[in-house]
Amino acid sequence: MKKTTYRLFLAASLALSVLSCGQKTEETTETEEMTETPTRFGGLALYTVRDAMGQDPKGTLQAVADAGYGYVEAAGYAEGKFYGMEPAEFKSYLDSLGLQPKSTHMGGVTLDNADEQIAASKAAGFEYFVIPVPPMGMFTFGPEGLGMKGTKEELVNILTTIGEKCSAAGLKLLYHNHDFEFKPGEDGSTITDYILLNTDPAHVNYQMDLFWVTKAGADPLAYFEKYPGRFKAWHVKDMNDAGEFAPVGTGNIDFARILAEKDKSGMVYYLVEQDNTFDLNPMEAIQISHRGLEKYGFQ
């Protein structure tokens, strides 16, 4: 073959190769659409998928990442481990998935074990140490609903002591509410008002559960106005017409109205949580909620 002919042949072959690589067949496009993963943003409270976390924590965390979440809140600490993993191992596995350990619910904390639990939370990479209910046996629940025994003063003293310990360790303490903290007592005041008026924001702040605030008949925006900057985290879950938990975007809570005031609230991060998904598979529920977050403009 002459050199000129060979060069023409080579140039034509290269051109055809480039064109074929640059064109997407229908089959390729469909395959890419099927395997496209959601944009990573927002957080998930792992309490929502607690049963799956108990059976297969690593596989479940992979599914959470695949659903598009960027960070998580743990709710499975026992015997020095998070979901059966040593704190450093738990952090390392989250890192491998691109998930950030943002906060952890530590419902079993007491004044006696606080130092140990704070150290474990720090080793696992968490930034926020959350007390999910009045601790040390103060939380009550039954047919009459959720509540608290003991005094508001006792609760504030416990939160302050543990909050100061968290601050010294480089963690931030948040208190997570249900409905009873927003219901006026006999004196007309609420537990939430008492906590926020009698704690130092340098050591104690709030994780506002938007469902439970709404359930109590209170307005989140009124609290943002009254205590600006104190609500560092939100639990985002919707409410259906029956007043039950629902995936974000399928109920009647006006998240757009609430989100518009996030700066006033002090919100640093937020988490999807659904205490009970009823007949809906929890993994499907968190996917619906992630799409709901996007609809309302959460980032």
Protein backbone atom coordinates (compact mmCIF):
# COMPACT_ATOMS: atom_id res chain seq x y z
CA MET A 1 0.00 0.00 0.00
CA LYS A 2 1.38 3.43 -0.97
CA LYS A 3 2.11 5.87 1.87
CA THR A 4 -0.52 8.39 0.63
CA THR A 5 -3.21 5.70 0.39
CA TYR A 6 -2.28 4.35 3.83
CA ARG A 7 -2.51 7.80 5.40
CA LEU A 8 -5.95 8.38 3.86
CA PHE A 9 -7.11 5.00 5.14
CA LEU A 10 -5.80 5.72 8.64
CA ALA A 11 -7.44 9.16 8.76
CA ALA A 12 -10.79 7.75 7.68
CA SER A 13 -10.59 4.97 10.27
CA LEU A 14 -9.83 7.46 13.06
CA ALA A 15 -12.71 9.72 12.00
CA LEU A 16 -15.16 6.83 12.02
CA SER A 17 -13.88 5.77 15.45
CA VAL A 18 -14.35 9.24 16.94
CA LEU A 19 -17.84 9.55 15.47
CA SER A 20 -18.93 6.17 16.77
CA CYS A 21 -17.57 6.95 20.27
CA GLY A 22 -19.31 10.31 20.35
CA GLN A 23 -22.73 8.95 19.37
CA LYS A 24 -25.04 7.41 21.98
CA THR A 25 -27.27 4.60 20.89
CA GLU A 26 -30.80 4.38 22.20
CA GLU A 27 -29.76 1.36 24.26
CA THR A 28 -26.82 3.26 25.82
CA THR A 29 -29.01 6.26 26.69
CA GLU A 30 -31.66 4.06 28.29
CA THR A 31 -29.03 2.19 30.30
CA GLU A 32 -27.53 5.46 31.58
CA GLU A 33 -30.96 6.75 32.60
CA MET A 34 -31.70 3.53 34.48
CA THR A 35 -28.39 3.66 36.38
CA GLU A 36 -28.42 7.41 37.08
CA THR A 37 -28.13 8.05 40.82
CA PRO A 38 -29.88 10.91 42.65
CA THR A 39 -27.97 14.08 43.47
CA ARG A 40 -26.35 13.75 46.90
CA PHE A 41 -27.76 16.18 49.47
CA GLY A 42 -29.52 16.21 52.82
CA GLY A 43 -29.45 13.81 55.71
CA LEU A 44 -31.29 10.77 56.96
CA ALA A 45 -32.08 9.84 60.54
CA LEU A 46 -31.23 6.13 60.58
CA TYR A 47 -34.06 5.55 63.06
CA THR A 48 -36.27 5.48 59.96
CA VAL A 49 -34.54 2.31 58.73
CA ARG A 50 -33.76 0.90 62.17
CA ASP A 51 -34.95 -2.66 61.43
CA ALA A 52 -32.78 -2.89 58.33
CA MET A 53 -29.84 -1.37 60.24
CA GLY A 54 -30.25 -4.10 62.84
CA GLN A 55 -30.11 -6.85 60.20
CA ASP A 56 -27.57 -5.51 57.70
CA PRO A 57 -26.07 -2.16 58.74
CA LYS A 58 -23.46 -1.95 56.00
CA GLY A 59 -25.83 -2.92 53.21
CA THR A 60 -28.44 -0.49 54.52
CA LEU A 61 -25.97 2.38 54.68
CA GLN A 62 -25.02 1.65 51.07
CA ALA A 63 -28.71 1.86 50.15
CA VAL A 64 -29.03 5.17 52.01
CA ALA A 65 -26.12 6.57 50.02
CA ASP A 66 -27.64 5.23 46.80
CA ALA A 67 -30.91 7.00 47.67
CA GLY A 68 -29.05 10.32 47.46
CA TYR A 69 -28.41 11.24 51.09
CA GLY A 70 -25.16 12.94 52.01
CA TYR A 71 -25.05 12.49 55.79
CA VAL A 72 -26.69 10.48 58.55
CA GLU A 73 -27.82 10.60 62.14
CA ALA A 74 -27.26 7.44 64.15
CA ALA A 75 -29.70 5.97 66.65
CA GLY A 76 -28.06 2.66 67.41
CA TYR A 77 -25.41 2.96 70.09
CA ALA A 78 -24.93 0.06 72.48
CA GLU A 79 -22.00 -1.39 74.43
CA GLY A 80 -19.55 1.11 73.04
CA LYS A 81 -20.45 0.45 69.39
CA PHE A 82 -22.56 2.02 66.67
CA TYR A 83 -24.66 -0.68 65.00
CA GLY A 84 -22.19 -3.33 66.12
CA MET A 85 -19.16 -1.41 64.80
CA GLU A 86 -16.42 0.22 66.82
CA PRO A 87 -16.64 4.02 66.50
CA ALA A 88 -13.57 4.28 64.25
CA GLU A 89 -14.80 1.40 62.07
CA PHE A 90 -18.24 3.02 61.74
CA LYS A 91 -16.65 6.31 60.70
CA SER A 92 -14.35 4.58 58.23
CA TYR A 93 -17.22 2.72 56.58
CA LEU A 94 -19.29 5.88 56.25
CA ASP A 95 -16.27 7.60 54.70
CA SER A 96 -15.99 4.79 52.14
CA LEU A 97 -19.58 5.47 51.06
CA GLY A 98 -19.19 9.24 50.96
CA LEU A 99 -21.59 9.61 53.92
CA GLN A 100 -20.87 12.08 56.71
CA PRO A 101 -21.57 11.16 60.36
CA LYS A 102 -23.43 14.34 61.31
CA SER A 103 -25.25 13.59 64.58
CA THR A 104 -26.19 10.77 66.90
CA HIS A 105 -29.22 10.26 69.16
CA MET A 106 -27.99 9.11 72.57
CA GLY A 107 -31.17 8.24 74.43
CA GLY A 108 -29.39 6.22 77.11
CA VAL A 109 -27.10 9.01 78.28
CA THR A 110 -26.82 9.71 82.00
CA LEU A 111 -24.59 11.92 84.09
CA ASP A 112 -22.55 8.79 84.90
CA ASN A 113 -21.96 7.55 81.34
CA ALA A 114 -21.88 10.88 79.51
CA ASP A 115 -18.08 11.05 79.29
CA GLU A 116 -17.87 7.60 77.70
CA GLN A 117 -20.67 8.27 75.22
CA ILE A 118 -19.25 11.66 74.27
CA ALA A 119 -15.82 10.09 73.63
CA ALA A 120 -17.39 7.39 71.43
CA SER A 121 -19.39 9.96 69.47
CA LYS A 122 -16.27 12.04 68.90
CA ALA A 123 -14.30 8.97 67.75
CA ALA A 124 -17.08 8.13 65.27
CA GLY A 125 -16.74 11.58 63.71
CA PHE A 126 -20.06 13.04 64.81
CA GLU A 127 -20.45 16.80 65.23
CA TYR A 128 -23.70 16.84 67.22
CA PHE A 129 -24.66 14.87 70.33
CA VAL A 130 -28.47 14.75 70.49
CA ILE A 131 -30.58 13.91 73.53
CA PRO A 132 -33.82 12.64 71.95
CA VAL A 133 -36.08 12.56 75.03
CA PRO A 134 -35.83 13.67 78.66
CA PRO A 135 -33.03 11.36 79.89
CA MET A 136 -32.38 9.33 83.00
CA GLY A 137 -35.89 7.89 83.32
CA MET A 138 -37.73 11.20 82.96
CA PHE A 139 -39.44 10.31 79.67
CA THR A 140 -42.94 8.81 79.87
CA PHE A 141 -45.19 7.28 77.24
CA GLY A 142 -48.44 5.39 77.21
CA PRO A 143 -52.08 5.53 76.06
CA GLU A 144 -52.27 9.14 77.21
CA GLY A 145 -49.36 10.08 74.95
CA LEU A 146 -45.78 11.21 75.44
CA GLY A 147 -44.67 13.21 78.44
CA MET A 148 -42.16 13.82 81.19
CA LYS A 149 -41.93 13.20 84.90
CA GLY A 150 -39.73 15.29 87.13
CA THR A 151 -39.26 19.02 86.82
CA LYS A 152 -38.16 21.36 84.07
CA GLU A 153 -35.41 22.54 86.38
CA GLU A 154 -34.02 19.01 86.68
CA LEU A 155 -34.08 18.60 82.92
CA VAL A 156 -32.27 21.88 82.33
CA ASN A 157 -29.59 20.99 84.90
CA ILE A 158 -28.93 17.67 83.14
CA LEU A 159 -28.82 19.29 79.70
CA THR A 160 -26.48 22.01 80.93
CA THR A 161 -24.06 19.57 82.57
CA ILE A 162 -23.90 17.29 79.52
CA GLY A 163 -23.81 20.28 77.17
CA GLU A 164 -20.75 21.67 78.90
CA LYS A 165 -19.07 18.26 78.65
CA CYS A 166 -19.87 18.15 74.92
CA SER A 167 -18.45 21.62 74.36
CA ALA A 168 -15.23 20.68 76.16
CA ALA A 169 -14.90 17.65 73.82
CA GLY A 170 -15.59 19.64 70.66
CA LEU A 171 -19.15 18.41 70.19
CA LYS A 172 -22.41 20.37 70.15
CA LEU A 173 -25.41 19.26 72.23
CA LEU A 174 -28.95 19.43 70.88
CA TYR A 175 -32.23 18.51 72.52
CA HIS A 176 -34.81 16.84 70.26
CA ASN A 177 -38.49 17.53 70.88
CA HIS A 178 -41.75 15.66 70.58
CA ASP A 179 -45.17 17.28 70.98
CA PHE A 180 -45.41 17.54 74.77
CA GLU A 181 -42.55 20.08 75.03
CA PHE A 182 -44.68 22.52 73.00
CA LYS A 183 -47.91 22.10 74.95
CA PRO A 184 -48.54 24.71 77.67
CA GLY A 185 -48.54 23.40 81.23
CA GLU A 186 -50.70 24.51 84.14
CA ASP A 187 -48.71 27.73 84.43
CA GLY A 188 -49.15 28.45 80.72
CA SER A 189 -45.48 27.94 79.87
CA THR A 190 -43.95 25.16 77.79
CA ILE A 191 -40.95 22.92 78.44
CA THR A 192 -39.34 24.27 75.27
CA ASP A 193 -39.65 27.87 76.48
CA TYR A 194 -38.12 26.92 79.80
CA ILE A 195 -35.21 25.07 78.20
CA LEU A 196 -34.38 27.88 75.78
CA LEU A 197 -34.72 30.61 78.39
CA ASN A 198 -32.59 28.81 80.96
CA THR A 199 -29.74 27.31 78.95
CA ASP A 200 -26.66 28.88 77.42
CA PRO A 201 -26.68 28.67 73.59
CA ALA A 202 -22.93 28.08 73.79
CA HIS A 203 -23.70 24.64 75.23
CA VAL A 204 -27.36 23.70 74.58
CA ASN A 205 -29.52 24.15 71.50
CA TYR A 206 -32.44 22.43 69.76
CA GLN A 207 -33.09 19.87 67.08
CA MET A 208 -36.62 20.84 66.06
CA ASP A 209 -38.84 18.00 64.88
CA LEU A 210 -41.20 19.78 62.50
CA PHE A 211 -43.83 17.04 62.62
CA TRP A 212 -44.10 17.03 66.40
CA VAL A 213 -44.19 20.83 66.64
CA THR A 214 -47.07 20.82 64.17
CA LYS A 215 -48.75 17.95 66.03
CA ALA A 216 -48.69 20.07 69.19
CA GLY A 217 -50.50 22.89 67.37
CA ALA A 218 -47.49 25.21 67.55
CA ASP A 219 -45.98 27.24 64.71
CA PRO A 220 -42.26 26.68 64.05
CA LEU A 221 -41.91 30.22 62.71
CA ALA A 222 -43.16 31.71 65.96
CA TYR A 223 -40.34 29.92 67.78
CA PHE A 224 -37.77 31.01 65.19
CA GLU A 225 -38.89 34.57 65.84
CA LYS A 226 -38.83 34.18 69.61
CA TYR A 227 -35.53 32.27 69.83
CA PRO A 228 -33.56 33.05 66.68
CA GLY A 229 -30.52 30.92 66.01
CA ARG A 230 -31.37 28.20 68.56
CA PHE A 231 -32.70 25.53 66.19
CA LYS A 232 -29.50 24.12 64.68
CA ALA A 233 -31.09 21.04 63.13
CA TRP A 234 -34.49 19.98 61.85
CA HIS A 235 -36.19 16.62 61.57
CA VAL A 236 -38.19 16.82 58.36
CA LYS A 237 -41.20 14.52 58.14
CA ASP A 238 -44.66 15.14 56.74
CA MET A 239 -48.13 14.69 58.22
CA ASN A 240 -51.08 13.19 56.36
CA ASP A 241 -54.73 14.16 56.78
CA ALA A 242 -55.10 11.61 59.59
CA GLY A 243 -52.30 13.29 61.54
CA GLU A 244 -49.89 10.40 60.91
CA PHE A 245 -46.27 10.33 59.71
CA ALA A 246 -45.86 10.57 55.95
CA PRO A 247 -42.97 10.89 53.47
CA VAL A 248 -41.86 14.45 52.76
CA GLY A 249 -43.98 16.01 50.02
CA THR A 250 -46.98 13.71 50.45
CA GLY A 251 -48.62 15.44 53.41
CA ASN A 252 -49.86 18.86 54.43
CA ILE A 253 -46.93 20.53 56.26
CA ASP A 254 -45.89 23.70 54.43
CA PHE A 255 -42.15 23.07 54.28
CA ALA A 256 -41.60 25.89 51.77
CA ARG A 257 -42.89 28.41 54.34
CA ILE A 258 -40.64 26.94 57.04
CA LEU A 259 -37.58 26.65 54.79
CA ALA A 260 -37.86 30.33 53.88
CA GLU A 261 -36.98 31.15 57.52
CA LYS A 262 -34.09 28.71 57.92
CA ASP A 263 -31.54 31.49 58.48
CA LYS A 264 -33.57 32.97 61.32
CA SER A 265 -33.97 29.54 62.88
CA GLY A 266 -30.23 28.92 62.88
CA MET A 267 -30.61 25.66 60.96
CA VAL A 268 -27.24 24.19 60.01
CA TYR A 269 -28.47 20.80 58.80
CA TYR A 270 -31.65 18.77 58.45
CA LEU A 271 -32.63 15.12 58.40
CA VAL A 272 -35.48 13.15 56.94
CA GLU A 273 -37.08 11.00 59.63
CA GLN A 274 -40.22 8.92 59.60
CA ASP A 275 -40.89 7.11 62.86
CA ASN A 276 -43.34 4.68 61.26
CA THR A 277 -43.78 4.07 57.52
CA PHE A 278 -46.81 1.80 58.07
CA ASP A 279 -47.45 -0.33 54.95
CA LEU A 280 -44.74 1.43 52.96
CA ASN A 281 -41.28 -0.13 52.90
CA PRO A 282 -38.92 2.22 54.78
CA MET A 283 -36.39 2.18 51.93
CA GLU A 284 -39.09 3.26 49.50
CA ALA A 285 -40.27 5.92 51.95
CA ILE A 286 -36.81 7.52 52.19
CA GLN A 287 -36.59 7.65 48.39
CA ILE A 288 -39.96 9.42 48.18
CA SER A 289 -38.86 11.83 50.91
CA HIS A 290 -35.61 12.62 49.11
CA ARG A 291 -37.57 13.61 46.01
CA GLY A 292 -39.85 15.66 48.28
CA LEU A 293 -36.87 17.55 49.68
CA GLU A 294 -35.84 18.50 46.17
CA LYS A 295 -39.36 19.68 45.37
CA TYR A 296 -39.31 22.13 48.28
CA GLY A 297 -35.81 23.40 47.52
CA PHE A 298 -33.83 21.78 50.33
CA GLN A 299 -30.13 21.63 49.48
